[in-house]
Amino acid sequence: MAAEKDGKGTATAGSRSFQAGAAYREISPPRPTALYGYPHVERISTGVHDPLLATVLVLKRADALIVLAALDLLMIEPPVARQLRRRVAEAVGCSESGVFIGCTHTHSGPVTSRLIGWQNDATIPAPDPAFMELVATRLVEATVAAAQAAVPAELAWASADATGVGGNRLCEEGITDPECGILALRSLQDQEMLAMAVTYGMHPTVLHEDSTLVSADFPYYTRHHIQERLGESIPIVYLTGPSGNQSPRRYVESQTFAEAERLGRKLGAAVCRSLDRVAGDAWQGMVQVDSRLVEVELPRNSIRDLPDANRLLTEYRERYEQLQRDHAPRAEIRTAECAVFGAEGTVALAQAEAEGELESRLCAYRPIEIQVLRIGEVLLVGLPGECFTEYGLEIKRRSPQRTFVITLVNGELQGYIVTPEAAANGGYEATNAVFAPESGRILVDAALALAAKLGNGL
């Protein structure tokens, strides 16, 4: 494990009190582009349903400044995440460990990473460098604007019950986490709402491959619902919690924008109800902010050889076709179809392993980083990749203080971080996992060690 990096940086003059500022910039693609999130579909955008955003919250106190940012993108590669962190840190004069960048994980945005498991799919192009530069430029612009807008502020933490928005996509009775974390900020001078951060662990996959409109999926409607209530211009940083095995699959009535609106507003209404219950003494104006970043090594999975990978693909295809013939429930058929996608990824991984490409690609992903922010008495843990919800729940249970966990921070990991049980059961996520299930334990333990240090002010 490498040396930790802290979040001490250069704050602006007169920042002895807690200050907060927020801003957003649009990052919608300026021209038709391939949409990213589903395989085997020539899915070129035909318009923008709702603008993709880079939304930024800047918090500062004394010599500490942290940046909390969310991009309406599926995911970004770790090298890209590091470049973005560096550019943002340089723009506002803070430590890179204080720049916390997540993705909303929309499956209706441009291609922004190269998954080896999908490299045999000719419908998915490489990321467009021009679009990636647009994202970087707009993110920096939003960060600078947020820093310039910072005013003395106070904050309150809350949580909402998001039951009914989604759940475990692998098993109807499987583990899920309905808690939605809320950070609300208002002006110290007039108590007007400044901004909000919302953290919820659920795949934004209401919209499927038949949709060709750029969209943030249901999180757009969540933000819109809150803004209708609190103010249309209020920036809302939406971050995705551990949701590798979570989706609306068993909760949707259709794969339409109307359904995305129904679920998004359901979440937004839960957030607003929770805010209504925040007591006056819950607002704090004397708030400590700090950050830490640590590097870890994760063990790789054993990749099947090519003949075994092809046998698995045949097996999964036969099961999927049988469920179709049996007119099984829609959610079960979709789960089996995704398992076929995963087995196709296994074949691609086997090919990449045999050719030595897998290890060379993973070299660019190192170091793998975990990040923790302290905002008042609450911790935000940022994990890379798509982690199963069990890992987030364990961190929250064992953390020394109130904690919310966010994934896809500092990049993706070429697949999922699954539990040992999921690895034994197989399926889409397990067959798409490049890193071994023990990786989840490593991430949890490292995050908790970092959380303990921040919680103790070390």
Protein backbone atom coordinates (compact mmCIF):
# COMPACT_ATOMS: atom_id res chain seq x y z
CA MET A 1 0.00 0.00 0.00
CA ALA A 2 1.41 3.38 -0.97
CA ALA A 3 1.68 6.39 1.30
CA GLU A 4 -1.56 8.18 1.96
CA LYS A 5 -2.19 11.62 0.54
CA ASP A 6 -4.12 14.18 2.55
CA GLY A 7 -6.40 16.97 1.45
CA LYS A 8 -4.56 19.98 2.78
CA GLY A 9 -4.35 22.62 0.10
CA THR A 10 -4.40 26.33 -0.50
CA ALA A 11 -7.72 27.97 0.32
CA THR A 12 -8.70 31.49 -0.61
CA ALA A 13 -8.24 34.40 1.74
CA GLY A 14 -10.96 34.93 4.30
CA SER A 15 -11.96 31.24 4.34
CA ARG A 16 -11.68 30.68 8.08
CA SER A 17 -15.41 30.00 8.22
CA PHE A 18 -16.99 27.09 6.44
CA GLN A 19 -17.89 28.04 2.87
CA ALA A 20 -19.74 26.28 0.10
CA GLY A 21 -20.35 26.94 -3.57
CA ALA A 22 -21.82 24.91 -6.40
CA ALA A 23 -22.19 25.06 -10.17
CA TYR A 24 -22.87 22.86 -13.18
CA ARG A 25 -22.05 22.81 -16.86
CA GLU A 26 -23.63 20.82 -19.67
CA ILE A 27 -21.62 17.94 -21.12
CA SER A 28 -24.15 16.62 -23.65
CA PRO A 29 -22.49 15.48 -26.90
CA PRO A 30 -22.69 18.27 -29.49
CA ARG A 31 -23.40 15.86 -32.35
CA PRO A 32 -24.89 12.38 -32.90
CA THR A 33 -22.85 9.77 -31.04
CA ALA A 34 -22.91 6.10 -30.07
CA LEU A 35 -24.67 5.60 -26.74
CA TYR A 36 -22.97 3.41 -24.17
CA GLY A 37 -24.39 0.80 -21.85
CA TYR A 38 -25.86 -2.08 -23.86
CA PRO A 39 -24.09 -4.42 -26.31
CA HIS A 40 -24.92 -5.49 -29.88
CA VAL A 41 -27.00 -2.45 -30.82
CA GLU A 42 -26.10 0.25 -33.35
CA ARG A 43 -27.37 2.92 -30.97
CA ILE A 44 -26.62 6.34 -32.40
CA SER A 45 -28.18 9.26 -30.57
CA THR A 46 -31.03 11.04 -32.32
CA GLY A 47 -31.27 13.94 -29.89
CA VAL A 48 -30.96 15.06 -26.28
CA HIS A 49 -33.90 14.32 -24.01
CA ASP A 50 -32.32 15.94 -20.96
CA PRO A 51 -28.88 17.57 -20.74
CA LEU A 52 -25.98 15.61 -19.31
CA LEU A 53 -24.26 17.62 -16.59
CA ALA A 54 -20.98 18.00 -14.75
CA THR A 55 -22.15 19.16 -11.32
CA VAL A 56 -19.68 20.35 -8.72
CA LEU A 57 -19.79 21.22 -5.04
CA VAL A 58 -16.82 23.04 -3.46
CA LEU A 59 -16.44 23.02 0.32
CA LYS A 60 -13.68 24.87 2.15
CA ARG A 61 -12.60 25.62 5.66
CA ALA A 62 -9.31 27.20 6.72
CA ASP A 63 -6.56 25.46 4.75
CA ALA A 64 -8.71 22.59 3.43
CA LEU A 65 -10.67 22.59 0.19
CA ILE A 66 -12.55 19.64 -1.27
CA VAL A 67 -14.37 19.20 -4.56
CA LEU A 68 -17.33 16.83 -4.84
CA ALA A 69 -18.23 16.27 -8.50
CA ALA A 70 -20.62 14.06 -10.47
CA LEU A 71 -20.56 13.41 -14.22
CA ASP A 72 -23.62 12.17 -16.12
CA LEU A 73 -21.58 9.39 -17.72
CA LEU A 74 -21.55 5.60 -17.54
CA MET A 75 -17.96 5.45 -16.25
CA ILE A 76 -14.43 6.67 -16.91
CA GLU A 77 -11.11 4.85 -16.95
CA PRO A 78 -8.73 5.32 -13.98
CA PRO A 79 -6.08 7.16 -16.06
CA VAL A 80 -8.76 9.60 -17.19
CA ALA A 81 -9.95 10.03 -13.61
CA ARG A 82 -6.43 10.88 -12.49
CA GLN A 83 -6.04 13.43 -15.28
CA LEU A 84 -9.35 15.06 -14.34
CA ARG A 85 -8.38 15.17 -10.67
CA ARG A 86 -5.09 16.83 -11.54
CA ARG A 87 -6.68 19.47 -13.76
CA VAL A 88 -9.37 20.28 -11.21
CA ALA A 89 -6.87 20.46 -8.34
CA GLU A 90 -4.63 22.82 -10.29
CA ALA A 91 -7.58 25.03 -11.22
CA VAL A 92 -8.63 25.70 -7.62
CA GLY A 93 -5.36 25.14 -5.75
CA CYS A 94 -6.19 22.08 -3.69
CA SER A 95 -4.68 18.66 -3.13
CA GLU A 96 -5.60 15.94 -5.63
CA SER A 97 -6.85 13.84 -2.72
CA GLY A 98 -9.52 16.48 -2.17
CA VAL A 99 -10.99 16.07 -5.68
CA PHE A 100 -13.72 13.42 -5.55
CA ILE A 101 -15.22 12.57 -8.95
CA GLY A 102 -18.02 10.06 -9.49
CA CYS A 103 -20.34 9.11 -12.35
CA THR A 104 -24.11 8.77 -12.28
CA HIS A 105 -23.70 5.61 -14.42
CA THR A 106 -26.31 6.52 -17.02
CA HIS A 107 -26.56 3.97 -19.84
CA SER A 108 -27.75 6.66 -22.27
CA GLY A 109 -24.61 8.74 -22.66
CA PRO A 110 -21.55 8.68 -24.95
CA VAL A 111 -18.83 6.01 -24.93
CA THR A 112 -16.25 6.99 -22.30
CA SER A 113 -14.20 3.84 -21.63
CA ARG A 114 -13.01 0.67 -23.36
CA LEU A 115 -14.19 -2.54 -21.74
CA ILE A 116 -12.16 -5.55 -22.79
CA GLY A 117 -15.20 -7.76 -22.30
CA TRP A 118 -16.98 -5.79 -25.03
CA GLN A 119 -14.07 -5.47 -27.45
CA ASN A 120 -15.60 -8.02 -29.87
CA ASP A 121 -18.71 -5.86 -30.24
CA ALA A 122 -18.36 -3.82 -33.44
CA THR A 123 -21.26 -1.54 -32.44
CA ILE A 124 -19.21 0.06 -29.63
CA PRO A 125 -16.55 2.52 -30.84
CA ALA A 126 -13.62 3.86 -28.86
CA PRO A 127 -14.19 6.99 -26.77
CA ASP A 128 -14.10 10.21 -28.77
CA PRO A 129 -11.08 12.29 -27.62
CA ALA A 130 -12.89 15.51 -28.51
CA PHE A 131 -15.83 14.61 -26.28
CA MET A 132 -13.54 13.56 -23.43
CA GLU A 133 -11.79 16.93 -23.67
CA LEU A 134 -15.17 18.67 -23.60
CA VAL A 135 -15.98 16.82 -20.37
CA ALA A 136 -12.66 17.83 -18.83
CA THR A 137 -13.01 21.47 -19.85
CA ARG A 138 -16.59 21.77 -18.60
CA LEU A 139 -15.74 20.02 -15.33
CA VAL A 140 -12.94 22.51 -14.67
CA GLU A 141 -15.23 25.40 -15.61
CA ALA A 142 -17.90 24.17 -13.20
CA THR A 143 -15.32 23.74 -10.43
CA VAL A 144 -13.91 27.24 -10.84
CA ALA A 145 -17.43 28.69 -10.93
CA ALA A 146 -18.37 26.77 -7.77
CA ALA A 147 -15.25 28.00 -5.96
CA GLN A 148 -15.95 31.58 -7.01
CA ALA A 149 -19.56 31.27 -5.83
CA ALA A 150 -18.58 30.00 -2.36
CA VAL A 151 -20.15 31.88 0.54
CA PRO A 152 -20.35 31.26 4.29
CA ALA A 153 -22.67 28.31 4.66
CA GLU A 154 -24.13 25.70 6.94
CA LEU A 155 -25.01 22.10 6.23
CA ALA A 156 -27.27 19.31 7.35
CA TRP A 157 -27.06 15.57 6.71
CA ALA A 158 -30.10 13.36 6.31
CA SER A 159 -31.16 10.12 4.71
CA ALA A 160 -34.27 9.02 2.83
CA ASP A 161 -35.91 5.64 2.34
CA ALA A 162 -35.89 4.87 -1.39
CA THR A 163 -37.78 1.57 -1.13
CA GLY A 164 -39.64 0.89 -4.37
CA VAL A 165 -37.23 2.59 -6.77
CA GLY A 166 -35.27 -0.59 -7.37
CA GLY A 167 -33.67 -3.56 -5.68
CA ASN A 168 -31.50 -6.63 -6.14
CA ARG A 169 -31.55 -7.56 -9.81
CA LEU A 170 -30.23 -11.10 -9.33
CA CYS A 171 -32.77 -12.28 -6.77
CA GLU A 172 -36.14 -10.83 -5.80
CA GLU A 173 -35.37 -11.38 -2.11
CA GLY A 174 -31.69 -10.49 -2.45
CA ILE A 175 -29.83 -7.94 -0.37
CA THR A 176 -30.47 -4.29 -1.15
CA ASP A 177 -29.82 -0.93 0.50
CA PRO A 178 -32.76 1.49 0.33
CA GLU A 179 -30.94 4.32 2.11
CA CYS A 180 -30.37 7.50 0.12
CA GLY A 181 -27.82 9.86 1.66
CA ILE A 182 -28.48 13.60 1.55
CA LEU A 183 -26.15 16.54 2.08
CA ALA A 184 -27.99 19.87 2.07
CA LEU A 185 -26.22 23.25 2.09
CA ARG A 186 -27.70 26.66 2.65
CA SER A 187 -26.43 30.21 2.96
CA LEU A 188 -25.45 31.21 6.47
CA GLN A 189 -26.71 34.73 5.82
CA ASP A 190 -30.27 34.11 4.64
CA GLN A 191 -30.79 30.32 4.91
CA GLU A 192 -31.49 30.06 1.19
CA MET A 193 -30.66 26.64 -0.23
CA LEU A 194 -27.32 26.61 -2.08
CA ALA A 195 -26.88 23.05 -3.25
CA MET A 196 -27.38 19.41 -2.44
CA ALA A 197 -25.62 16.07 -2.85
CA VAL A 198 -27.63 12.86 -3.14
CA THR A 199 -26.14 9.36 -2.90
CA TYR A 200 -28.15 6.28 -3.87
CA GLY A 201 -27.04 2.82 -5.00
CA MET A 202 -29.11 1.85 -8.03
CA HIS A 203 -28.32 1.24 -11.70
CA PRO A 204 -29.93 3.96 -13.90
CA THR A 205 -31.21 1.40 -16.40
CA VAL A 206 -34.87 2.21 -16.84
CA LEU A 207 -34.04 3.19 -20.42
CA HIS A 208 -32.86 0.26 -22.54
CA GLU A 209 -31.15 -0.22 -25.88
CA ASP A 210 -34.22 0.84 -27.88
CA SER A 211 -33.88 4.42 -26.56
CA THR A 212 -31.70 6.65 -28.75
CA LEU A 213 -32.04 9.91 -26.81
CA VAL A 214 -29.23 11.20 -24.63
CA SER A 215 -30.40 11.11 -21.01
CA ALA A 216 -29.32 10.79 -17.39
CA ASP A 217 -32.19 8.29 -16.93
CA PHE A 218 -34.16 8.41 -13.67
CA PRO A 219 -31.59 10.58 -11.77
CA TYR A 220 -32.55 13.44 -14.10
CA TYR A 221 -36.10 13.29 -12.81
CA THR A 222 -34.89 12.99 -9.22
CA ARG A 223 -32.92 16.21 -9.59
CA HIS A 224 -35.78 17.88 -11.45
CA HIS A 225 -38.29 16.96 -8.75
CA ILE A 226 -36.08 18.39 -6.00
CA GLN A 227 -35.43 21.55 -8.00
CA GLU A 228 -39.16 22.06 -8.56
CA ARG A 229 -39.52 22.05 -4.80
CA LEU A 230 -36.42 23.98 -3.72
CA GLY A 231 -35.39 26.10 -6.70
CA GLU A 232 -34.80 25.40 -10.37
CA SER A 233 -31.19 26.60 -10.38
CA ILE A 234 -29.99 24.64 -7.35
CA PRO A 235 -27.08 22.35 -8.34
CA ILE A 236 -27.62 18.76 -7.24
CA VAL A 237 -24.65 16.39 -7.20
CA TYR A 238 -26.08 12.90 -7.80
CA LEU A 239 -23.67 10.10 -6.89
CA THR A 240 -24.08 6.34 -7.31
CA GLY A 241 -23.66 4.04 -4.33
CA PRO A 242 -22.65 0.37 -4.52
CA SER A 243 -25.04 -1.06 -7.09
CA GLY A 244 -23.24 -3.81 -8.98
CA ASN A 245 -26.18 -6.12 -8.23
CA GLN A 246 -28.90 -3.46 -8.00
CA SER A 247 -31.30 -2.14 -10.66
CA PRO A 248 -34.95 -1.23 -11.30
CA ARG A 249 -35.35 -4.48 -13.28
CA ARG A 250 -37.96 -6.00 -10.97
CA TYR A 251 -39.70 -2.67 -10.31
CA VAL A 252 -40.28 -1.14 -13.74
CA GLU A 253 -43.59 -1.35 -15.55
CA SER A 254 -41.97 -0.41 -18.88
CA GLN A 255 -38.61 0.81 -20.23
CA THR A 256 -39.83 4.33 -21.06
CA PHE A 257 -39.17 7.92 -20.10
CA ALA A 258 -42.54 7.93 -18.34
CA GLU A 259 -41.30 5.09 -16.15
CA ALA A 260 -37.96 6.83 -15.57
CA GLU A 261 -39.96 9.84 -14.44
CA ARG A 262 -42.15 7.77 -12.10
CA LEU A 263 -39.18 6.20 -10.33
CA GLY A 264 -37.05 9.34 -10.41
CA ARG A 265 -39.80 11.43 -8.86
CA LYS A 266 -40.42 8.71 -6.29
CA LEU A 267 -36.82 9.09 -5.15
CA GLY A 268 -37.01 12.89 -5.34
CA ALA A 269 -40.16 12.93 -3.21
CA ALA A 270 -38.47 10.75 -0.58
CA VAL A 271 -35.55 13.19 -0.48
CA CYS A 272 -37.88 16.17 -0.07
CA ARG A 273 -39.83 14.47 2.73
CA SER A 274 -36.58 13.80 4.54
CA LEU A 275 -35.50 17.42 4.20
CA ASP A 276 -38.82 18.55 5.64
CA ARG A 277 -37.97 16.61 8.80
CA VAL A 278 -34.54 18.19 9.32
CA ALA A 279 -34.64 20.05 12.61
CA GLY A 280 -33.25 23.53 13.03
CA ASP A 281 -30.41 22.41 15.28
CA ALA A 282 -29.25 19.88 12.64
CA TRP A 283 -27.78 22.70 10.57
CA GLN A 284 -24.09 23.24 11.32
CA GLY A 285 -21.91 26.19 10.39
CA MET A 286 -18.67 25.16 12.10
CA VAL A 287 -17.71 22.24 9.90
CA GLN A 288 -14.42 20.43 9.42
CA VAL A 289 -13.54 19.20 5.92
CA ASP A 290 -10.69 16.87 5.09
CA SER A 291 -9.75 14.13 2.66
CA ARG A 292 -7.46 11.15 2.21
CA LEU A 293 -6.49 8.97 -0.75
CA VAL A 294 -4.83 5.57 -0.54
CA GLU A 295 -3.61 3.06 -3.12
CA VAL A 296 -4.28 -0.69 -2.98
CA GLU A 297 -3.38 -3.79 -4.94
CA LEU A 298 -6.24 -6.07 -5.97
CA PRO A 299 -5.83 -9.75 -6.94
CA ARG A 300 -6.91 -10.75 -10.43
CA ASN A 301 -9.45 -13.41 -11.21
CA SER A 302 -8.39 -16.65 -12.86
CA ILE A 303 -9.49 -16.20 -16.47
CA ARG A 304 -10.98 -19.25 -18.21
CA ASP A 305 -9.20 -20.63 -21.23
CA LEU A 306 -10.93 -20.07 -24.56
CA PRO A 307 -12.55 -23.53 -24.97
CA ASP A 308 -14.00 -23.34 -21.45
CA ALA A 309 -15.24 -19.78 -22.07
CA ASN A 310 -17.03 -20.91 -25.25
CA ARG A 311 -18.63 -23.82 -23.36
CA LEU A 312 -19.95 -21.38 -20.77
CA LEU A 313 -21.36 -19.16 -23.52
CA THR A 314 -23.19 -22.11 -25.09
CA GLU A 315 -24.63 -23.08 -21.70
CA TYR A 316 -25.91 -19.57 -20.98
CA ARG A 317 -27.41 -19.18 -24.45
CA GLU A 318 -29.32 -22.43 -24.08
CA ARG A 319 -30.74 -21.35 -20.72
CA TYR A 320 -31.80 -17.97 -22.10
CA GLU A 321 -33.54 -19.57 -25.09
CA GLN A 322 -35.30 -22.07 -22.82
CA LEU A 323 -36.68 -19.31 -20.61
CA GLN A 324 -37.98 -17.55 -23.70
CA ARG A 325 -39.72 -20.71 -24.87
CA ASP A 326 -41.20 -21.18 -21.40
CA HIS A 327 -42.51 -17.58 -21.35
CA ALA A 328 -40.77 -16.99 -18.04
CA PRO A 329 -41.23 -13.68 -16.17
CA ARG A 330 -39.71 -10.71 -17.98
CA ALA A 331 -37.15 -10.01 -15.22
CA GLU A 332 -35.90 -13.61 -15.30
CA ILE A 333 -35.52 -13.52 -19.08
CA ARG A 334 -33.60 -10.25 -18.89
CA THR A 335 -31.31 -11.64 -16.19
CA ALA A 336 -30.58 -14.66 -18.39
CA GLU A 337 -29.99 -12.44 -21.42
CA CYS A 338 -27.50 -10.36 -19.43
CA ALA A 339 -25.79 -13.60 -18.39
CA VAL A 340 -25.25 -14.29 -22.09
CA PHE A 341 -23.68 -10.83 -22.42
CA GLY A 342 -21.42 -11.71 -19.51
CA ALA A 343 -20.39 -15.02 -21.08
CA GLU A 344 -19.56 -13.21 -24.29
CA GLY A 345 -17.36 -10.98 -22.18
CA THR A 346 -15.71 -14.06 -20.72
CA VAL A 347 -14.77 -15.17 -24.25
CA ALA A 348 -13.29 -11.74 -24.97
CA LEU A 349 -11.35 -11.80 -21.69
CA ALA A 350 -10.03 -15.28 -22.49
CA GLN A 351 -8.80 -14.03 -25.86
CA ALA A 352 -7.19 -10.95 -24.28
CA GLU A 353 -5.52 -13.10 -21.61
CA ALA A 354 -4.11 -15.51 -24.19
CA GLU A 355 -2.70 -12.62 -26.21
CA GLY A 356 -1.22 -10.80 -23.19
CA GLU A 357 -3.46 -7.80 -23.79
CA LEU A 358 -5.36 -8.03 -20.51
CA GLU A 359 -2.35 -7.49 -18.27
CA SER A 360 -1.01 -4.67 -20.42
CA ARG A 361 -4.36 -2.88 -20.24
CA LEU A 362 -4.59 -3.34 -16.48
CA CYS A 363 -1.15 -1.81 -16.00
CA ALA A 364 -2.62 1.55 -16.98
CA TYR A 365 -5.28 1.15 -14.27
CA ARG A 366 -2.73 1.00 -11.48
CA PRO A 367 -2.58 2.43 -8.89
CA ILE A 368 -6.10 1.51 -7.78
CA GLU A 369 -7.30 4.20 -5.40
CA ILE A 370 -9.71 4.57 -2.51
CA GLN A 371 -10.79 7.99 -1.29
CA VAL A 372 -12.47 9.22 1.88
CA LEU A 373 -13.86 12.69 2.57
CA ARG A 374 -14.80 14.05 5.95
CA ILE A 375 -17.56 16.63 5.83
CA GLY A 376 -18.54 17.60 9.34
CA GLU A 377 -19.30 14.44 11.30
CA VAL A 378 -20.01 12.35 8.19
CA LEU A 379 -17.65 10.41 5.95
CA LEU A 380 -17.96 9.79 2.21
CA VAL A 381 -16.10 6.68 1.07
CA GLY A 382 -15.26 6.54 -2.64
CA LEU A 383 -14.59 3.10 -4.13
CA PRO A 384 -13.51 2.44 -7.72
CA GLY A 385 -15.42 0.12 -10.03
CA GLU A 386 -18.87 -1.41 -9.71
CA CYS A 387 -19.06 -2.98 -6.26
CA PHE A 388 -21.85 -5.18 -4.95
CA THR A 389 -24.06 -3.53 -2.36
CA GLU A 390 -22.95 -5.94 0.37
CA TYR A 391 -19.59 -4.19 0.51
CA GLY A 392 -21.16 -0.78 0.97
CA LEU A 393 -23.42 -2.06 3.73
CA GLU A 394 -20.45 -3.56 5.56
CA ILE A 395 -18.50 -0.31 5.40
CA LYS A 396 -21.48 1.61 6.75
CA ARG A 397 -22.00 -0.94 9.53
CA ARG A 398 -18.36 -1.01 10.64
CA SER A 399 -17.39 2.62 10.11
CA PRO A 400 -16.57 4.60 13.26
CA GLN A 401 -19.09 7.28 12.33
CA ARG A 402 -21.95 7.91 9.96
CA THR A 403 -20.82 7.02 6.46
CA PHE A 404 -22.13 6.93 2.91
CA VAL A 405 -20.39 4.87 0.24
CA ILE A 406 -20.03 5.88 -3.42
CA THR A 407 -18.71 3.76 -6.28
CA LEU A 408 -17.19 4.47 -9.69
CA VAL A 409 -14.97 7.03 -7.96
CA ASN A 410 -11.52 7.28 -9.53
CA GLY A 411 -12.55 5.07 -12.41
CA GLU A 412 -13.99 1.70 -13.40
CA LEU A 413 -12.30 -1.67 -12.96
CA GLN A 414 -13.09 -3.54 -16.18
CA GLY A 415 -16.12 -5.18 -14.60
CA TYR A 416 -17.61 -5.88 -11.20
CA ILE A 417 -16.35 -6.48 -7.68
CA VAL A 418 -18.63 -9.37 -6.73
CA THR A 419 -19.07 -11.32 -3.51
CA PRO A 420 -17.70 -14.87 -3.16
CA GLU A 421 -21.30 -16.15 -3.21
CA ALA A 422 -22.00 -14.38 -6.50
CA ALA A 423 -18.77 -15.73 -7.96
CA ALA A 424 -19.87 -19.26 -7.09
CA ASN A 425 -23.31 -18.74 -8.65
CA GLY A 426 -22.01 -17.28 -11.93
CA GLY A 427 -24.09 -14.99 -14.11
CA TYR A 428 -23.45 -11.67 -15.80
CA GLU A 429 -21.57 -9.82 -13.08
CA ALA A 430 -19.39 -12.75 -11.99
CA THR A 431 -18.34 -13.68 -15.51
CA ASN A 432 -17.46 -10.04 -16.18
CA ALA A 433 -15.24 -9.69 -13.11
CA VAL A 434 -11.56 -9.16 -13.86
CA PHE A 435 -10.63 -8.84 -10.19
CA ALA A 436 -11.16 -11.67 -7.71
CA PRO A 437 -13.94 -11.60 -5.08
CA GLU A 438 -11.28 -11.14 -2.37
CA SER A 439 -10.86 -7.65 -3.81
CA GLY A 440 -14.05 -6.61 -2.06
CA ARG A 441 -12.56 -7.45 1.32
CA ILE A 442 -9.40 -5.49 0.48
CA LEU A 443 -11.44 -2.44 -0.53
CA VAL A 444 -13.58 -2.64 2.62
CA ASP A 445 -10.64 -3.00 5.00
CA ALA A 446 -8.63 -0.21 3.36
CA ALA A 447 -11.63 2.12 3.35
CA LEU A 448 -12.35 1.44 7.02
CA ALA A 449 -8.71 2.04 7.98
CA LEU A 450 -8.79 5.37 6.18
CA ALA A 451 -12.17 6.25 7.69
CA ALA A 452 -10.85 5.57 11.20
CA LYS A 453 -7.94 7.96 10.65
CA LEU A 454 -10.15 10.72 9.27
CA GLY A 455 -12.73 10.16 11.98
CA ASN A 456 -10.01 10.63 14.61
CA GLY A 457 -8.66 13.71 12.87
CA LEU A 458 -5.35 12.02 11.95
